[in-house]
Amino acid sequence: MILTDYHIHTPLCQHATGEPRAYFASAADRGLQQICFTDHAPAHDGFDPTNRMVMEQFPGYLDNVGQLQNSEQLSVLLGIEADFYPGAITFQPDWIESHPFDLVIGSVHYIDDWGFDNPATKDSWKSVDVTGAWRKYFKLVAELADSALYDIVGHLDLPKKFDYRPADTDIREMATPALDRIAAAGMSIELNTAGLRKPCNEIYPSPLLLELAFEREIPIVFASDAHSPEEVAYAFDKALDLALAAGYTNYLTYSERKTQVRPLPNRSS
């Protein structure tokens, strides 16, 4: 089994339920050895205030995670999911470096001023140029990689959440430059099982994108993107199958933003 879950939220993001201790207990019950809390980073400029903690709440986040880090039952890492957007580059470099994160997920949730994965604005997909939106998204992912701020790319093909997708040939063409730059940056990507709980009904990323990532030797981590305790390690058996089918034999673990390679379990054994 996969023993790490590197994408777990808390109620501070304003759209998750259950206190950190409940996520910890759920992970222990599922036999995990290590988890990382990665709630949405606060923003200095008021960016996307309905989906993240405010700066004054961040010390409480550190305390909540810290209270769970002395257990011998389960290793708990401190992480953050930091949004890449135009204003981030003026604040995040110094802020990230000033805190003892074990890993930092970089994510794109906005195309211009459109929160494209927000259920409140999902009807916008009916009227936009879907291929054009995806193209803008992958350009932002490429810029995210170039920034050298983050360790892991979160939910690589998040625009598919509501099941609006371009043709695979277009996805391959637009994603290839972003994947090249992720590889050049030495970043990993997550196998994020939250997509199985969304209308797209597919892990992030798709088999196509994961195969392209494997060709570029981009490492992987496993992530549930849990927003409630029962979602911890959700469908990790399916994520393992996806990784093995793409050719992966290893995955990464993190500590203090340094990596270690771990062998994937063999599903046939």
C-alpha atoms as a PDB file:
ATOM      1  CA  MET A   1       0.000   0.000   0.000  1.00  0.00           C
ATOM      2  CA  ILE A   2       0.982   3.632  -0.387  1.00  0.00           C
ATOM      3  CA  LEU A   3       2.002   4.929   3.030  1.00  0.00           C
ATOM      4  CA  THR A   4       1.986   8.716   2.482  1.00  0.00           C
ATOM      5  CA  ASP A   5      -0.733  11.284   1.778  1.00  0.00           C
ATOM      6  CA  TYR A   6       0.727  14.654   0.881  1.00  0.00           C
ATOM      7  CA  HIS A   7      -2.336  16.840   0.319  1.00  0.00           C
ATOM      8  CA  ILE A   8      -4.642  17.350   3.304  1.00  0.00           C
ATOM      9  CA  HIS A   9      -6.658  20.452   4.164  1.00  0.00           C
ATOM     10  CA  THR A  10      -8.107  21.881   7.370  1.00  0.00           C
ATOM     11  CA  PRO A  11     -11.184  24.025   8.109  1.00  0.00           C
ATOM     12  CA  LEU A  12      -9.003  27.140   7.804  1.00  0.00           C
ATOM     13  CA  CYS A  13      -9.472  26.977   4.032  1.00  0.00           C
ATOM     14  CA  GLN A  14     -13.208  27.627   4.631  1.00  0.00           C
ATOM     15  CA  HIS A  15     -14.329  24.662   2.525  1.00  0.00           C
ATOM     16  CA  ALA A  16     -13.105  21.661   4.541  1.00  0.00           C
ATOM     17  CA  THR A  17     -14.628  19.935   7.562  1.00  0.00           C
ATOM     18  CA  GLY A  18     -13.044  18.129  10.492  1.00  0.00           C
ATOM     19  CA  GLU A  19     -10.248  19.223  12.775  1.00  0.00           C
ATOM     20  CA  PRO A  20      -6.627  18.228  12.068  1.00  0.00           C
ATOM     21  CA  ARG A  21      -6.694  15.590  14.807  1.00  0.00           C
ATOM     22  CA  ALA A  22      -9.561  13.833  12.998  1.00  0.00           C
ATOM     23  CA  TYR A  23      -7.501  13.662   9.799  1.00  0.00           C
ATOM     24  CA  PHE A  24      -4.612  12.292  11.831  1.00  0.00           C
ATOM     25  CA  ALA A  25      -6.840   9.582  13.328  1.00  0.00           C
ATOM     26  CA  SER A  26      -8.233   8.674   9.911  1.00  0.00           C
ATOM     27  CA  ALA A  27      -4.717   8.323   8.480  1.00  0.00           C
ATOM     28  CA  ALA A  28      -3.658   6.124  11.378  1.00  0.00           C
ATOM     29  CA  ASP A  29      -6.720   3.926  10.935  1.00  0.00           C
ATOM     30  CA  ARG A  30      -5.836   3.474   7.256  1.00  0.00           C
ATOM     31  CA  GLY A  31      -2.296   2.362   8.053  1.00  0.00           C
ATOM     32  CA  LEU A  32      -0.488   5.401   6.676  1.00  0.00           C
ATOM     33  CA  GLN A  33       2.977   6.138   7.991  1.00  0.00           C
ATOM     34  CA  GLN A  34       3.182   9.801   7.019  1.00  0.00           C
ATOM     35  CA  ILE A  35       0.838  12.643   6.117  1.00  0.00           C
ATOM     36  CA  CYS A  36       1.319  16.270   5.213  1.00  0.00           C
ATOM     37  CA  PHE A  37      -1.112  19.066   5.937  1.00  0.00           C
ATOM     38  CA  THR A  38      -1.160  21.423   2.956  1.00  0.00           C
ATOM     39  CA  ASP A  39      -3.859  23.987   3.506  1.00  0.00           C
ATOM     40  CA  HIS A  40      -4.213  26.972   1.182  1.00  0.00           C
ATOM     41  CA  ALA A  41      -1.575  29.590   1.927  1.00  0.00           C
ATOM     42  CA  PRO A  42      -2.727  33.007   3.098  1.00  0.00           C
ATOM     43  CA  ALA A  43      -2.219  35.868   0.675  1.00  0.00           C
ATOM     44  CA  HIS A  44      -0.772  39.255   1.528  1.00  0.00           C
ATOM     45  CA  ASP A  45      -2.927  41.048  -1.042  1.00  0.00           C
ATOM     46  CA  GLY A  46      -6.396  39.621  -0.344  1.00  0.00           C
ATOM     47  CA  PHE A  47      -6.265  37.116  -3.222  1.00  0.00           C
ATOM     48  CA  ASP A  48      -9.189  34.653  -3.268  1.00  0.00           C
ATOM     49  CA  PRO A  49     -10.265  35.311   0.347  1.00  0.00           C
ATOM     50  CA  THR A  50     -13.100  32.756   0.428  1.00  0.00           C
ATOM     51  CA  ASN A  51     -10.772  29.787  -0.077  1.00  0.00           C
ATOM     52  CA  ARG A  52      -7.911  30.335   2.363  1.00  0.00           C
ATOM     53  CA  MET A  53      -6.925  31.398   5.839  1.00  0.00           C
ATOM     54  CA  VAL A  54      -6.080  35.023   6.524  1.00  0.00           C
ATOM     55  CA  MET A  55      -2.549  35.874   7.542  1.00  0.00           C
ATOM     56  CA  GLU A  56      -3.530  36.279  11.190  1.00  0.00           C
ATOM     57  CA  GLN A  57      -4.703  32.646  11.254  1.00  0.00           C
ATOM     58  CA  PHE A  58      -1.439  31.194  10.003  1.00  0.00           C
ATOM     59  CA  PRO A  59       0.182  30.903  13.475  1.00  0.00           C
ATOM     60  CA  GLY A  60      -2.828  28.819  14.504  1.00  0.00           C
ATOM     61  CA  TYR A  61      -2.244  26.552  11.512  1.00  0.00           C
ATOM     62  CA  LEU A  62       1.361  26.061  12.617  1.00  0.00           C
ATOM     63  CA  ASP A  63       0.178  25.255  16.142  1.00  0.00           C
ATOM     64  CA  ASN A  64      -2.474  22.793  14.945  1.00  0.00           C
ATOM     65  CA  VAL A  65       0.043  20.853  12.880  1.00  0.00           C
ATOM     66  CA  GLY A  66       2.757  21.130  15.497  1.00  0.00           C
ATOM     67  CA  GLN A  67       0.563  19.541  18.152  1.00  0.00           C
ATOM     68  CA  LEU A  68       0.404  16.373  16.034  1.00  0.00           C
ATOM     69  CA  GLN A  69       4.086  16.117  15.220  1.00  0.00           C
ATOM     70  CA  ASN A  70       5.257  14.460  18.428  1.00  0.00           C
ATOM     71  CA  SER A  71       3.330  11.248  17.923  1.00  0.00           C
ATOM     72  CA  GLU A  72       5.208   7.984  17.425  1.00  0.00           C
ATOM     73  CA  GLN A  73       2.144   6.549  15.700  1.00  0.00           C
ATOM     74  CA  LEU A  74       2.308   8.649  12.546  1.00  0.00           C
ATOM     75  CA  SER A  75       4.755  11.106  11.015  1.00  0.00           C
ATOM     76  CA  VAL A  76       3.160  14.498  10.356  1.00  0.00           C
ATOM     77  CA  LEU A  77       4.734  16.964   7.941  1.00  0.00           C
ATOM     78  CA  LEU A  78       4.135  20.691   7.645  1.00  0.00           C
ATOM     79  CA  GLY A  79       3.218  21.774   4.143  1.00  0.00           C
ATOM     80  CA  ILE A  80       1.288  24.437   2.294  1.00  0.00           C
ATOM     81  CA  GLU A  81      -0.587  24.705  -0.984  1.00  0.00           C
ATOM     82  CA  ALA A  82       0.491  28.006  -2.466  1.00  0.00           C
ATOM     83  CA  ASP A  83      -1.419  29.466  -5.399  1.00  0.00           C
ATOM     84  CA  PHE A  84       0.565  30.749  -8.348  1.00  0.00           C
ATOM     85  CA  TYR A  85      -0.952  34.014  -9.588  1.00  0.00           C
ATOM     86  CA  PRO A  86       0.491  37.379 -10.726  1.00  0.00           C
ATOM     87  CA  GLY A  87       0.760  38.895  -7.243  1.00  0.00           C
ATOM     88  CA  ALA A  88       2.281  35.816  -5.642  1.00  0.00           C
ATOM     89  CA  ILE A  89       5.762  36.340  -6.979  1.00  0.00           C
ATOM     90  CA  THR A  90       6.156  39.569  -4.974  1.00  0.00           C
ATOM     91  CA  PHE A  91       5.350  37.908  -1.649  1.00  0.00           C
ATOM     92  CA  GLN A  92       5.762  34.151  -1.671  1.00  0.00           C
ATOM     93  CA  PRO A  93       9.550  33.748  -2.123  1.00  0.00           C
ATOM     94  CA  ASP A  94      10.501  35.357   1.188  1.00  0.00           C
ATOM     95  CA  TRP A  95       7.398  34.092   2.992  1.00  0.00           C
ATOM     96  CA  ILE A  96       7.916  30.470   1.989  1.00  0.00           C
ATOM     97  CA  GLU A  97      11.588  30.552   2.906  1.00  0.00           C
ATOM     98  CA  SER A  98      10.803  32.016   6.332  1.00  0.00           C
ATOM     99  CA  HIS A  99       8.813  28.953   7.458  1.00  0.00           C
ATOM    100  CA  PRO A 100       9.954  25.360   8.076  1.00  0.00           C
ATOM    101  CA  PHE A 101       7.857  23.675   5.424  1.00  0.00           C
ATOM    102  CA  ASP A 102       8.557  20.065   4.538  1.00  0.00           C
ATOM    103  CA  LEU A 103       6.983  20.521   1.119  1.00  0.00           C
ATOM    104  CA  VAL A 104       5.229  23.211  -0.893  1.00  0.00           C
ATOM    105  CA  ILE A 105       2.558  22.418  -3.476  1.00  0.00           C
ATOM    106  CA  GLY A 106       2.210  24.956  -6.263  1.00  0.00           C
ATOM    107  CA  SER A 107      -1.253  25.168  -7.804  1.00  0.00           C
ATOM    108  CA  VAL A 108      -3.133  27.202 -10.375  1.00  0.00           C
ATOM    109  CA  HIS A 109      -6.802  27.838  -9.580  1.00  0.00           C
ATOM    110  CA  TYR A 110      -7.361  31.030 -11.584  1.00  0.00           C
ATOM    111  CA  ILE A 111      -7.183  31.930 -15.250  1.00  0.00           C
ATOM    112  CA  ASP A 112      -7.073  35.715 -15.211  1.00  0.00           C
ATOM    113  CA  ASP A 113      -9.818  36.582 -12.691  1.00  0.00           C
ATOM    114  CA  TRP A 114     -11.823  33.396 -13.228  1.00  0.00           C
ATOM    115  CA  GLY A 115     -11.725  30.741 -10.524  1.00  0.00           C
ATOM    116  CA  PHE A 116     -12.225  28.003 -13.070  1.00  0.00           C
ATOM    117  CA  ASP A 117     -12.549  25.121 -10.587  1.00  0.00           C
ATOM    118  CA  ASN A 118     -14.967  26.918  -8.270  1.00  0.00           C
ATOM    119  CA  PRO A 119     -18.413  25.258  -8.237  1.00  0.00           C
ATOM    120  CA  ALA A 120     -19.968  28.718  -8.011  1.00  0.00           C
ATOM    121  CA  THR A 121     -18.572  29.635 -11.450  1.00  0.00           C
ATOM    122  CA  LYS A 122     -18.648  26.259 -13.193  1.00  0.00           C
ATOM    123  CA  ASP A 123     -21.360  27.387 -15.638  1.00  0.00           C
ATOM    124  CA  SER A 124     -18.765  29.687 -17.203  1.00  0.00           C
ATOM    125  CA  TRP A 125     -17.325  26.589 -18.873  1.00  0.00           C
ATOM    126  CA  LYS A 126     -20.444  26.435 -21.051  1.00  0.00           C
ATOM    127  CA  SER A 127     -19.575  29.704 -22.760  1.00  0.00           C
ATOM    128  CA  VAL A 128     -15.766  29.826 -22.830  1.00  0.00           C
ATOM    129  CA  ASP A 129     -13.367  28.528 -25.440  1.00  0.00           C
ATOM    130  CA  VAL A 130     -12.487  25.302 -23.620  1.00  0.00           C
ATOM    131  CA  THR A 131      -9.302  24.632 -25.581  1.00  0.00           C
ATOM    132  CA  GLY A 132      -8.223  28.245 -25.177  1.00  0.00           C
ATOM    133  CA  ALA A 133      -8.817  28.113 -21.429  1.00  0.00           C
ATOM    134  CA  TRP A 134      -6.768  24.956 -21.069  1.00  0.00           C
ATOM    135  CA  ARG A 135      -3.986  26.520 -23.132  1.00  0.00           C
ATOM    136  CA  LYS A 136      -3.851  29.541 -20.812  1.00  0.00           C
ATOM    137  CA  TYR A 137      -3.823  27.197 -17.836  1.00  0.00           C
ATOM    138  CA  PHE A 138      -0.821  25.220 -19.018  1.00  0.00           C
ATOM    139  CA  LYS A 139       1.068  28.422 -19.774  1.00  0.00           C
ATOM    140  CA  LEU A 140       0.548  29.377 -16.138  1.00  0.00           C
ATOM    141  CA  VAL A 141       1.733  25.938 -15.003  1.00  0.00           C
ATOM    142  CA  ALA A 142       4.889  26.433 -17.061  1.00  0.00           C
ATOM    143  CA  GLU A 143       5.452  29.808 -15.388  1.00  0.00           C
ATOM    144  CA  LEU A 144       4.820  28.160 -12.003  1.00  0.00           C
ATOM    145  CA  ALA A 145       7.622  25.696 -12.742  1.00  0.00           C
ATOM    146  CA  ASP A 146       9.944  28.466 -13.900  1.00  0.00           C
ATOM    147  CA  SER A 147       9.439  30.352 -10.638  1.00  0.00           C
ATOM    148  CA  ALA A 148      11.391  27.707  -8.663  1.00  0.00           C
ATOM    149  CA  LEU A 149       9.191  28.405  -5.640  1.00  0.00           C
ATOM    150  CA  TYR A 150       7.470  25.060  -5.239  1.00  0.00           C
ATOM    151  CA  ASP A 151       8.285  21.380  -4.873  1.00  0.00           C
ATOM    152  CA  ILE A 152       5.200  19.679  -6.313  1.00  0.00           C
ATOM    153  CA  VAL A 153       2.684  20.639  -8.996  1.00  0.00           C
ATOM    154  CA  GLY A 154      -0.826  20.181  -7.626  1.00  0.00           C
ATOM    155  CA  HIS A 155      -3.624  18.496  -9.625  1.00  0.00           C
ATOM    156  CA  LEU A 156      -1.866  18.895 -12.968  1.00  0.00           C
ATOM    157  CA  ASP A 157      -4.983  18.873 -15.175  1.00  0.00           C
ATOM    158  CA  LEU A 158      -7.403  20.602 -12.798  1.00  0.00           C
ATOM    159  CA  PRO A 159      -9.407  22.263 -15.644  1.00  0.00           C
ATOM    160  CA  LYS A 160     -11.042  18.892 -16.347  1.00  0.00           C
ATOM    161  CA  LYS A 161     -12.825  19.009 -12.963  1.00  0.00           C
ATOM    162  CA  PHE A 162     -16.276  19.681 -14.452  1.00  0.00           C
ATOM    163  CA  ASP A 163     -15.534  17.405 -17.422  1.00  0.00           C
ATOM    164  CA  TYR A 164     -14.915  20.092 -20.045  1.00  0.00           C
ATOM    165  CA  ARG A 165     -11.915  18.881 -22.030  1.00  0.00           C
ATOM    166  CA  PRO A 166     -10.150  19.491 -25.328  1.00  0.00           C
ATOM    167  CA  ALA A 167      -9.124  16.625 -27.589  1.00  0.00           C
ATOM    168  CA  ASP A 168      -6.191  14.527 -26.409  1.00  0.00           C
ATOM    169  CA  THR A 169      -4.092  15.756 -29.331  1.00  0.00           C
ATOM    170  CA  ASP A 170      -4.578  19.339 -28.141  1.00  0.00           C
ATOM    171  CA  ILE A 171      -3.855  18.427 -24.521  1.00  0.00           C
ATOM    172  CA  ARG A 172      -0.626  16.714 -25.549  1.00  0.00           C
ATOM    173  CA  GLU A 173       0.475  19.732 -27.573  1.00  0.00           C
ATOM    174  CA  MET A 174      -0.292  22.337 -24.913  1.00  0.00           C
ATOM    175  CA  ALA A 175       0.921  20.322 -21.915  1.00  0.00           C
ATOM    176  CA  THR A 176       4.274  19.248 -23.366  1.00  0.00           C
ATOM    177  CA  PRO A 177       6.069  22.596 -22.809  1.00  0.00           C
ATOM    178  CA  ALA A 178       4.766  22.754 -19.239  1.00  0.00           C
ATOM    179  CA  LEU A 179       5.935  19.215 -18.523  1.00  0.00           C
ATOM    180  CA  ASP A 180       9.348  19.985 -20.010  1.00  0.00           C
ATOM    181  CA  ARG A 181       9.697  22.913 -17.622  1.00  0.00           C
ATOM    182  CA  ILE A 182       8.455  20.893 -14.633  1.00  0.00           C
ATOM    183  CA  ALA A 183      11.154  18.349 -15.422  1.00  0.00           C
ATOM    184  CA  ALA A 184      13.790  21.058 -15.822  1.00  0.00           C
ATOM    185  CA  ALA A 185      12.799  22.532 -12.459  1.00  0.00           C
ATOM    186  CA  GLY A 186      13.244  19.173 -10.723  1.00  0.00           C
ATOM    187  CA  MET A 187       9.672  19.191  -9.467  1.00  0.00           C
ATOM    188  CA  SER A 188       7.363  16.269  -8.861  1.00  0.00           C
ATOM    189  CA  ILE A 189       3.654  15.974  -9.630  1.00  0.00           C
ATOM    190  CA  GLU A 190       0.954  14.512  -7.457  1.00  0.00           C
ATOM    191  CA  LEU A 191      -1.382  11.661  -8.253  1.00  0.00           C
ATOM    192  CA  ASN A 192      -4.393  13.423  -6.793  1.00  0.00           C
ATOM    193  CA  THR A 193      -7.409  11.184  -6.265  1.00  0.00           C
ATOM    194  CA  ALA A 194      -9.828  14.060  -5.647  1.00  0.00           C
ATOM    195  CA  GLY A 195     -10.712  13.961  -9.337  1.00  0.00           C
ATOM    196  CA  LEU A 196     -12.512  10.677  -8.711  1.00  0.00           C
ATOM    197  CA  ARG A 197     -14.877  12.609  -6.441  1.00  0.00           C
ATOM    198  CA  LYS A 198     -15.604  15.249  -9.104  1.00  0.00           C
ATOM    199  CA  PRO A 199     -17.667  15.251 -12.340  1.00  0.00           C
ATOM    200  CA  CYS A 200     -14.586  14.310 -14.388  1.00  0.00           C
ATOM    201  CA  ASN A 201     -14.361  11.023 -12.426  1.00  0.00           C
ATOM    202  CA  GLU A 202     -10.645  10.712 -13.106  1.00  0.00           C
ATOM    203  CA  ILE A 203      -7.474  11.041 -11.084  1.00  0.00           C
ATOM    204  CA  TYR A 204      -5.368  14.156 -11.694  1.00  0.00           C
ATOM    205  CA  PRO A 205      -3.500  13.777 -14.013  1.00  0.00           C
ATOM    206  CA  SER A 206      -4.993  11.672 -16.782  1.00  0.00           C
ATOM    207  CA  PRO A 207      -3.210   8.522 -18.015  1.00  0.00           C
ATOM    208  CA  LEU A 208      -2.047  10.465 -21.072  1.00  0.00           C
ATOM    209  CA  LEU A 209      -0.393  13.200 -19.025  1.00  0.00           C
ATOM    210  CA  LEU A 210       1.085  10.747 -16.566  1.00  0.00           C
ATOM    211  CA  GLU A 211       2.693   8.814 -19.421  1.00  0.00           C
ATOM    212  CA  LEU A 212       4.160  12.075 -20.756  1.00  0.00           C
ATOM    213  CA  ALA A 213       5.462  12.849 -17.262  1.00  0.00           C
ATOM    214  CA  PHE A 214       7.031   9.399 -16.996  1.00  0.00           C
ATOM    215  CA  GLU A 215       8.797   9.912 -20.323  1.00  0.00           C
ATOM    216  CA  ARG A 216      10.402  13.023 -18.784  1.00  0.00           C
ATOM    217  CA  GLU A 217      11.318  11.213 -15.559  1.00  0.00           C
ATOM    218  CA  ILE A 218       9.116  13.530 -13.502  1.00  0.00           C
ATOM    219  CA  PRO A 219       8.672  11.945 -10.052  1.00  0.00           C
ATOM    220  CA  ILE A 220       5.316  11.392  -8.370  1.00  0.00           C
ATOM    221  CA  VAL A 221       3.779  11.676  -4.917  1.00  0.00           C
ATOM    222  CA  PHE A 222       0.390  10.482  -3.710  1.00  0.00           C
ATOM    223  CA  ALA A 223      -2.322  12.868  -2.574  1.00  0.00           C
ATOM    224  CA  SER A 224      -5.992  12.642  -1.627  1.00  0.00           C
ATOM    225  CA  ASP A 225      -6.639  16.405  -1.471  1.00  0.00           C
ATOM    226  CA  ALA A 226      -8.767  15.491   1.537  1.00  0.00           C
ATOM    227  CA  HIS A 227     -11.315  18.060   2.665  1.00  0.00           C
ATOM    228  CA  SER A 228     -12.849  15.750   5.258  1.00  0.00           C
ATOM    229  CA  PRO A 229     -11.257  13.044   7.421  1.00  0.00           C
ATOM    230  CA  GLU A 230     -12.907  10.173   5.550  1.00  0.00           C
ATOM    231  CA  GLU A 231     -11.211  11.293   2.316  1.00  0.00           C
ATOM    232  CA  VAL A 232      -7.671  10.653   3.600  1.00  0.00           C
ATOM    233  CA  ALA A 233      -5.905   8.135   1.313  1.00  0.00           C
ATOM    234  CA  TYR A 234      -9.027   8.006  -0.850  1.00  0.00           C
ATOM    235  CA  ALA A 235      -8.765   5.464  -3.713  1.00  0.00           C
ATOM    236  CA  PHE A 236      -5.007   5.111  -3.381  1.00  0.00           C
ATOM    237  CA  ASP A 237      -5.289   1.604  -4.802  1.00  0.00           C
ATOM    238  CA  LYS A 238      -6.476   3.148  -8.068  1.00  0.00           C
ATOM    239  CA  ALA A 239      -3.692   5.727  -7.971  1.00  0.00           C
ATOM    240  CA  LEU A 240      -1.142   2.954  -7.530  1.00  0.00           C
ATOM    241  CA  ASP A 241      -2.586   1.075 -10.497  1.00  0.00           C
ATOM    242  CA  LEU A 242      -2.355   4.240 -12.593  1.00  0.00           C
ATOM    243  CA  ALA A 243       1.273   4.799 -11.622  1.00  0.00           C
ATOM    244  CA  LEU A 244       2.270   1.214 -12.399  1.00  0.00           C
ATOM    245  CA  ALA A 245       0.453   1.286 -15.741  1.00  0.00           C
ATOM    246  CA  ALA A 246       2.403   4.415 -16.736  1.00  0.00           C
ATOM    247  CA  GLY A 247       5.674   2.653 -15.966  1.00  0.00           C
ATOM    248  CA  TYR A 248       6.537   4.114 -12.561  1.00  0.00           C
ATOM    249  CA  THR A 249       8.393   1.934 -10.070  1.00  0.00           C
ATOM    250  CA  ASN A 250       9.149   4.611  -7.447  1.00  0.00           C
ATOM    251  CA  TYR A 251       7.587   7.569  -5.703  1.00  0.00           C
ATOM    252  CA  LEU A 252       8.967  10.368  -3.531  1.00  0.00           C
ATOM    253  CA  THR A 253       8.783  11.209   0.124  1.00  0.00           C
ATOM    254  CA  TYR A 254       9.712  14.637   1.482  1.00  0.00           C
ATOM    255  CA  SER A 255      11.249  16.102   4.607  1.00  0.00           C
ATOM    256  CA  GLU A 256      12.499  19.669   4.974  1.00  0.00           C
ATOM    257  CA  ARG A 257      11.962  20.062   1.223  1.00  0.00           C
ATOM    258  CA  LYS A 258      14.421  17.272   0.463  1.00  0.00           C
ATOM    259  CA  THR A 259      13.345  14.067  -1.264  1.00  0.00           C
ATOM    260  CA  GLN A 260      13.880  10.370  -0.882  1.00  0.00           C
ATOM    261  CA  VAL A 261      12.972   7.744  -3.468  1.00  0.00           C
ATOM    262  CA  ARG A 262      10.728   4.901  -2.315  1.00  0.00           C
ATOM    263  CA  PRO A 263       9.759   1.774  -4.268  1.00  0.00           C
ATOM    264  CA  LEU A 264       6.171   1.359  -5.300  1.00  0.00           C
ATOM    265  CA  PRO A 265       4.487  -1.779  -3.998  1.00  0.00           C
ATOM    266  CA  ASN A 266       3.794  -4.447  -6.581  1.00  0.00           C
ATOM    267  CA  ARG A 267       0.063  -4.989  -6.973  1.00  0.00           C
ATOM    268  CA  SER A 268       0.559  -8.550  -8.197  1.00  0.00           C
ATOM    269  CA  SER A 269       2.395  -9.668  -5.095  1.00  0.00           C
END
